[in-house]
Amino acid sequence: MFGILPYNQTLKNNIMKKAIKILGVFMLFVFTALSFSSCSSDDDPTNNDFFAGTYKGKISYNDGGSTNISTDNGSVFVTKIASGTKYNFSFSSGIPDLNGIEFEQKGDHTLVMIGSTGTSYIRIDNNELKILYLKDGKTWTANCTR
């Protein structure tokens, strides 16, 4: 009877060690997943040398002719070019991209397109993207959030 007791205790210790290892790996996985998922929406396009973020919402495009695209569930992938003041906007739904748009900072966390007028305007911050851009008879619009 005394020979069985140490064996059972060793078995219990091994089971506990395995359970702690599995729990530790699971916690590490959860922490890593949460870290990656929370980074992108915290990025501020005004204060980063490099910025890439996806904004989702209503987007549209009209080329002044036969092409008229509009969706409430579109997305715009925004990237900051190495120059530091120019941005690219890649639209979903087959809408042509806008590239090399130059911005200036307005306030602490807002960028406004240089040369904004009443008919062409792009405003971006870490939570919201607004576009009304007209060029060569073509119109891009976006009302999106992150």
C-alpha atoms as a PDB file:
ATOM      1  CA  MET A   1       0.000   0.000   0.000  1.00  0.00           C
ATOM      2  CA  PHE A   2       2.868   2.404   0.691  1.00  0.00           C
ATOM      3  CA  GLY A   3       4.339   1.759  -2.760  1.00  0.00           C
ATOM      4  CA  ILE A   4       1.174   2.956  -4.546  1.00  0.00           C
ATOM      5  CA  LEU A   5       0.872   6.310  -2.760  1.00  0.00           C
ATOM      6  CA  PRO A   6       4.083   7.877  -4.143  1.00  0.00           C
ATOM      7  CA  TYR A   7       3.147   6.717  -7.656  1.00  0.00           C
ATOM      8  CA  ASN A   8      -0.290   8.415  -7.405  1.00  0.00           C
ATOM      9  CA  GLN A   9       1.321  11.617  -6.084  1.00  0.00           C
ATOM     10  CA  THR A  10       3.816  11.622  -8.979  1.00  0.00           C
ATOM     11  CA  LEU A  11       0.971  11.088 -11.454  1.00  0.00           C
ATOM     12  CA  LYS A  12      -0.973  14.005  -9.949  1.00  0.00           C
ATOM     13  CA  ASN A  13       2.116  16.226 -10.125  1.00  0.00           C
ATOM     14  CA  ASN A  14       2.657  15.352 -13.801  1.00  0.00           C
ATOM     15  CA  ILE A  15      -0.984  16.082 -14.648  1.00  0.00           C
ATOM     16  CA  MET A  16      -0.816  19.437 -12.845  1.00  0.00           C
ATOM     17  CA  LYS A  17       2.424  20.402 -14.638  1.00  0.00           C
ATOM     18  CA  LYS A  18       0.874  19.592 -18.023  1.00  0.00           C
ATOM     19  CA  ALA A  19      -2.290  21.530 -17.174  1.00  0.00           C
ATOM     20  CA  ILE A  20      -0.241  24.577 -16.133  1.00  0.00           C
ATOM     21  CA  LYS A  21       1.815  24.390 -19.348  1.00  0.00           C
ATOM     22  CA  ILE A  22      -1.331  24.172 -21.482  1.00  0.00           C
ATOM     23  CA  LEU A  23      -2.935  27.055 -19.598  1.00  0.00           C
ATOM     24  CA  GLY A  24       0.251  29.137 -19.979  1.00  0.00           C
ATOM     25  CA  VAL A  25       0.408  28.529 -23.738  1.00  0.00           C
ATOM     26  CA  PHE A  26      -3.284  29.378 -24.066  1.00  0.00           C
ATOM     27  CA  MET A  27      -2.838  32.644 -22.117  1.00  0.00           C
ATOM     28  CA  LEU A  28       0.174  33.571 -24.273  1.00  0.00           C
ATOM     29  CA  PHE A  29      -1.862  32.910 -27.424  1.00  0.00           C
ATOM     30  CA  VAL A  30      -4.774  35.063 -26.183  1.00  0.00           C
ATOM     31  CA  PHE A  31      -2.455  37.915 -25.180  1.00  0.00           C
ATOM     32  CA  THR A  32      -0.698  37.831 -28.554  1.00  0.00           C
ATOM     33  CA  ALA A  33      -3.982  37.812 -30.485  1.00  0.00           C
ATOM     34  CA  LEU A  34      -5.317  40.766 -28.485  1.00  0.00           C
ATOM     35  CA  SER A  35      -2.078  42.694 -28.985  1.00  0.00           C
ATOM     36  CA  PHE A  36      -2.194  42.320 -32.766  1.00  0.00           C
ATOM     37  CA  SER A  37      -5.878  43.124 -33.067  1.00  0.00           C
ATOM     38  CA  SER A  38      -5.663  46.315 -31.017  1.00  0.00           C
ATOM     39  CA  CYS A  39      -2.638  47.933 -32.694  1.00  0.00           C
ATOM     40  CA  SER A  40      -4.050  49.111 -36.009  1.00  0.00           C
ATOM     41  CA  SER A  41      -6.939  51.224 -34.761  1.00  0.00           C
ATOM     42  CA  ASP A  42      -4.708  52.972 -32.207  1.00  0.00           C
ATOM     43  CA  ASP A  43      -2.299  54.203 -34.878  1.00  0.00           C
ATOM     44  CA  ASP A  44      -2.533  57.895 -35.588  1.00  0.00           C
ATOM     45  CA  PRO A  45      -1.842  58.890 -39.205  1.00  0.00           C
ATOM     46  CA  THR A  46      -0.503  62.298 -38.135  1.00  0.00           C
ATOM     47  CA  ASN A  47       2.221  61.131 -35.746  1.00  0.00           C
ATOM     48  CA  ASN A  48       3.709  58.100 -37.520  1.00  0.00           C
ATOM     49  CA  ASP A  49       6.522  58.019 -40.055  1.00  0.00           C
ATOM     50  CA  PHE A  50       4.765  55.018 -41.583  1.00  0.00           C
ATOM     51  CA  PHE A  51       1.015  54.561 -41.497  1.00  0.00           C
ATOM     52  CA  ALA A  52      -1.239  51.862 -42.916  1.00  0.00           C
ATOM     53  CA  GLY A  53      -4.860  51.448 -41.912  1.00  0.00           C
ATOM     54  CA  THR A  54      -8.193  50.229 -43.250  1.00  0.00           C
ATOM     55  CA  TYR A  55     -11.303  52.369 -42.990  1.00  0.00           C
ATOM     56  CA  LYS A  56     -14.713  50.775 -43.622  1.00  0.00           C
ATOM     57  CA  GLY A  57     -17.995  52.327 -44.623  1.00  0.00           C
ATOM     58  CA  LYS A  58     -19.768  53.951 -47.540  1.00  0.00           C
ATOM     59  CA  ILE A  59     -17.661  54.555 -50.671  1.00  0.00           C
ATOM     60  CA  SER A  60     -18.520  55.574 -54.223  1.00  0.00           C
ATOM     61  CA  TYR A  61     -17.001  56.434 -57.594  1.00  0.00           C
ATOM     62  CA  ASN A  62     -18.387  57.980 -60.764  1.00  0.00           C
ATOM     63  CA  ASP A  63     -16.284  58.518 -63.883  1.00  0.00           C
ATOM     64  CA  GLY A  64     -18.789  60.912 -65.472  1.00  0.00           C
ATOM     65  CA  GLY A  65     -19.805  58.251 -67.978  1.00  0.00           C
ATOM     66  CA  SER A  66     -20.936  54.661 -67.709  1.00  0.00           C
ATOM     67  CA  THR A  67     -19.113  53.713 -64.468  1.00  0.00           C
ATOM     68  CA  ASN A  68     -21.007  54.367 -61.255  1.00  0.00           C
ATOM     69  CA  ILE A  69     -19.950  52.287 -58.217  1.00  0.00           C
ATOM     70  CA  SER A  70     -21.456  52.705 -54.761  1.00  0.00           C
ATOM     71  CA  THR A  71     -21.470  50.470 -51.694  1.00  0.00           C
ATOM     72  CA  ASP A  72     -22.296  50.859 -48.012  1.00  0.00           C
ATOM     73  CA  ASN A  73     -19.862  48.054 -47.063  1.00  0.00           C
ATOM     74  CA  GLY A  74     -16.692  49.196 -48.795  1.00  0.00           C
ATOM     75  CA  SER A  75     -13.206  49.800 -47.510  1.00  0.00           C
ATOM     76  CA  VAL A  76     -10.307  52.148 -48.127  1.00  0.00           C
ATOM     77  CA  PHE A  77      -6.755  51.053 -47.313  1.00  0.00           C
ATOM     78  CA  VAL A  78      -4.689  54.152 -46.494  1.00  0.00           C
ATOM     79  CA  THR A  79      -0.877  54.196 -46.613  1.00  0.00           C
ATOM     80  CA  LYS A  80       1.572  56.970 -45.914  1.00  0.00           C
ATOM     81  CA  ILE A  81       4.294  57.328 -48.554  1.00  0.00           C
ATOM     82  CA  ALA A  82       7.930  57.687 -47.493  1.00  0.00           C
ATOM     83  CA  SER A  83       7.863  61.443 -48.194  1.00  0.00           C
ATOM     84  CA  GLY A  84       5.907  61.924 -44.963  1.00  0.00           C
ATOM     85  CA  THR A  85       3.203  64.203 -46.363  1.00  0.00           C
ATOM     86  CA  LYS A  86       1.729  62.106 -49.198  1.00  0.00           C
ATOM     87  CA  TYR A  87      -0.822  59.325 -48.865  1.00  0.00           C
ATOM     88  CA  ASN A  88      -2.286  56.605 -51.099  1.00  0.00           C
ATOM     89  CA  PHE A  89      -5.922  55.471 -50.930  1.00  0.00           C
ATOM     90  CA  SER A  90      -6.753  51.971 -52.223  1.00  0.00           C
ATOM     91  CA  PHE A  91     -10.503  51.449 -52.580  1.00  0.00           C
ATOM     92  CA  SER A  92     -12.389  48.153 -52.612  1.00  0.00           C
ATOM     93  CA  SER A  93     -15.201  47.296 -55.060  1.00  0.00           C
ATOM     94  CA  GLY A  94     -13.185  48.042 -58.202  1.00  0.00           C
ATOM     95  CA  ILE A  95     -12.889  51.771 -57.499  1.00  0.00           C
ATOM     96  CA  PRO A  96      -9.650  53.277 -58.880  1.00  0.00           C
ATOM     97  CA  ASP A  97      -7.024  54.268 -56.319  1.00  0.00           C
ATOM     98  CA  LEU A  98      -6.022  57.804 -55.402  1.00  0.00           C
ATOM     99  CA  ASN A  99      -2.244  58.080 -55.085  1.00  0.00           C
ATOM    100  CA  GLY A 100       0.191  60.765 -53.966  1.00  0.00           C
ATOM    101  CA  ILE A 101      -2.328  63.039 -52.258  1.00  0.00           C
ATOM    102  CA  GLU A 102      -0.494  65.621 -50.141  1.00  0.00           C
ATOM    103  CA  PHE A 103      -1.690  66.556 -46.637  1.00  0.00           C
ATOM    104  CA  GLU A 104      -1.006  69.033 -43.872  1.00  0.00           C
ATOM    105  CA  GLN A 105      -1.721  68.583 -40.178  1.00  0.00           C
ATOM    106  CA  LYS A 106      -4.700  70.451 -38.680  1.00  0.00           C
ATOM    107  CA  GLY A 107      -4.884  70.210 -34.915  1.00  0.00           C
ATOM    108  CA  ASP A 108      -3.378  67.376 -32.912  1.00  0.00           C
ATOM    109  CA  HIS A 109      -4.680  64.315 -34.788  1.00  0.00           C
ATOM    110  CA  THR A 110      -6.215  65.436 -38.094  1.00  0.00           C
ATOM    111  CA  LEU A 111      -4.833  65.631 -41.629  1.00  0.00           C
ATOM    112  CA  VAL A 112      -6.465  67.766 -44.321  1.00  0.00           C
ATOM    113  CA  MET A 113      -5.629  67.613 -48.023  1.00  0.00           C
ATOM    114  CA  ILE A 114      -3.466  70.493 -49.244  1.00  0.00           C
ATOM    115  CA  GLY A 115      -5.426  72.518 -51.764  1.00  0.00           C
ATOM    116  CA  SER A 116      -8.803  71.522 -50.320  1.00  0.00           C
ATOM    117  CA  THR A 117     -11.649  73.428 -51.899  1.00  0.00           C
ATOM    118  CA  GLY A 118     -15.414  73.328 -51.625  1.00  0.00           C
ATOM    119  CA  THR A 119     -15.481  70.550 -54.240  1.00  0.00           C
ATOM    120  CA  SER A 120     -12.373  68.522 -53.294  1.00  0.00           C
ATOM    121  CA  TYR A 121     -11.761  67.588 -49.702  1.00  0.00           C
ATOM    122  CA  ILE A 122     -10.088  64.710 -47.860  1.00  0.00           C
ATOM    123  CA  ARG A 123      -9.895  64.581 -44.075  1.00  0.00           C
ATOM    124  CA  ILE A 124      -8.344  61.730 -42.115  1.00  0.00           C
ATOM    125  CA  ASP A 125      -7.693  60.967 -38.465  1.00  0.00           C
ATOM    126  CA  ASN A 126      -7.169  57.770 -36.505  1.00  0.00           C
ATOM    127  CA  ASN A 127     -10.934  57.031 -36.391  1.00  0.00           C
ATOM    128  CA  GLU A 128     -12.502  58.594 -39.473  1.00  0.00           C
ATOM    129  CA  LEU A 129     -11.949  59.155 -43.200  1.00  0.00           C
ATOM    130  CA  LYS A 130     -14.009  61.628 -45.262  1.00  0.00           C
ATOM    131  CA  ILE A 131     -13.427  62.017 -49.005  1.00  0.00           C
ATOM    132  CA  LEU A 132     -15.036  64.160 -51.671  1.00  0.00           C
ATOM    133  CA  TYR A 133     -12.478  64.266 -54.470  1.00  0.00           C
ATOM    134  CA  LEU A 134     -13.101  65.510 -58.020  1.00  0.00           C
ATOM    135  CA  LYS A 135     -10.538  65.256 -60.800  1.00  0.00           C
ATOM    136  CA  ASP A 136     -10.932  65.211 -64.595  1.00  0.00           C
ATOM    137  CA  GLY A 137     -14.709  64.743 -64.355  1.00  0.00           C
ATOM    138  CA  LYS A 138     -14.339  61.767 -61.942  1.00  0.00           C
ATOM    139  CA  THR A 139     -15.681  61.732 -58.383  1.00  0.00           C
ATOM    140  CA  TRP A 140     -14.546  59.665 -55.387  1.00  0.00           C
ATOM    141  CA  THR A 141     -16.393  59.735 -52.056  1.00  0.00           C
ATOM    142  CA  ALA A 142     -15.905  57.968 -48.740  1.00  0.00           C
ATOM    143  CA  ASN A 143     -17.507  58.188 -45.329  1.00  0.00           C
ATOM    144  CA  CYS A 144     -15.646  55.543 -43.325  1.00  0.00           C
ATOM    145  CA  THR A 145     -14.496  54.680 -39.812  1.00  0.00           C
ATOM    146  CA  ARG A 146     -11.948  52.339 -38.189  1.00  0.00           C
END
